Protein backbone atom coordinates (compact mmCIF):
# COMPACT_ATOMS: atom_id res chain seq x y z
CA UNK A 1 20.32 -15.38 -5.34
CA UNK A 2 18.15 -12.71 -6.90
CA UNK A 3 15.22 -13.54 -4.60
CA UNK A 4 17.33 -13.16 -1.48
CA UNK A 5 18.62 -9.80 -2.65
CA UNK A 6 15.10 -8.58 -3.37
CA UNK A 7 14.00 -9.72 0.08
CA UNK A 8 16.93 -7.90 1.66
CA UNK A 9 16.03 -4.70 -0.20
CA UNK A 10 12.43 -5.00 1.00
CA UNK A 11 13.48 -5.41 4.62
CA UNK A 12 16.04 -2.62 4.47
CA UNK A 13 13.51 -0.28 2.85
CA UNK A 14 11.09 -1.11 5.65
CA UNK A 15 13.75 -0.24 8.23
CA UNK A 16 14.34 3.11 6.55
CA UNK A 17 10.60 3.88 6.38
CA UNK A 18 9.89 2.90 10.01
CA UNK A 19 9.51 5.80 12.45
CA UNK A 20 11.30 3.97 15.26
CA UNK A 21 14.53 3.32 13.37
CA UNK A 22 17.64 4.54 15.16
CA UNK A 23 20.24 6.67 13.41
CA UNK A 24 22.72 3.79 13.51
CA UNK A 25 20.21 1.35 11.97
CA UNK A 26 19.28 3.88 9.31
CA UNK A 27 22.92 4.44 8.43
CA UNK A 28 23.61 0.70 8.26
CA UNK A 29 20.51 0.06 6.15
CA UNK A 30 21.58 2.75 3.67
CA UNK A 31 25.06 1.23 3.50
CA UNK A 32 23.72 -2.25 2.83
CA UNK A 33 21.30 -0.97 0.20
CA UNK A 34 24.16 0.76 -1.59
CA UNK A 35 26.06 -2.55 -1.64
CA UNK A 36 23.07 -4.49 -2.99
CA UNK A 37 21.90 -1.96 -5.58
CA UNK A 38 24.55 -2.73 -8.24
CA UNK A 39 23.78 -6.45 -7.99
CA UNK A 40 20.19 -6.26 -9.28
CA UNK A 41 18.46 -4.38 -12.06
CA UNK A 42 17.13 -0.89 -11.29
CA UNK A 43 13.45 -1.81 -11.90
CA UNK A 44 13.72 -4.83 -9.58
CA UNK A 45 15.53 -2.77 -6.93
CA UNK A 46 12.94 0.03 -7.10
CA UNK A 47 10.01 -2.38 -6.94
CA UNK A 48 11.51 -4.16 -3.91
CA UNK A 49 12.02 -0.81 -2.18
CA UNK A 50 8.38 0.17 -2.78
CA UNK A 51 7.17 -3.17 -1.43
CA UNK A 52 9.31 -2.77 1.67
CA UNK A 53 8.14 0.77 2.32
CA UNK A 54 4.53 -0.39 2.15
CA UNK A 55 4.94 -3.37 4.51
CA UNK A 56 3.64 -3.53 8.04
CA UNK A 57 5.80 -4.82 10.89
CA UNK A 58 3.21 -7.45 11.80
CA UNK A 59 3.30 -8.89 8.29
CA UNK A 60 7.09 -9.03 8.27
CA UNK A 61 7.13 -10.84 11.61
CA UNK A 62 4.49 -13.30 10.36
CA UNK A 63 6.58 -14.00 7.25
CA UNK A 64 9.74 -14.58 9.28
CA UNK A 65 7.94 -16.90 11.71
CA UNK A 66 6.36 -18.85 8.86
CA UNK A 67 9.73 -19.20 7.08
CA UNK A 68 11.45 -20.45 10.23
CA UNK A 69 8.76 -23.02 11.05
């Protein structure tokens, strides 16, 4: 679904923006983003990337824990 793709873009953009990301993880994140990009509109993709780049790890963990509860 569109929402799941946006969420994936956010998380992958966070991975790319994080200082502790390994080269392998960065490469994989870029690959996955390139696969997702054609599936959603450019404005939605760009907005999701900006949101992901602005996120904090603590907030992402809180979201994941809340979703799994």
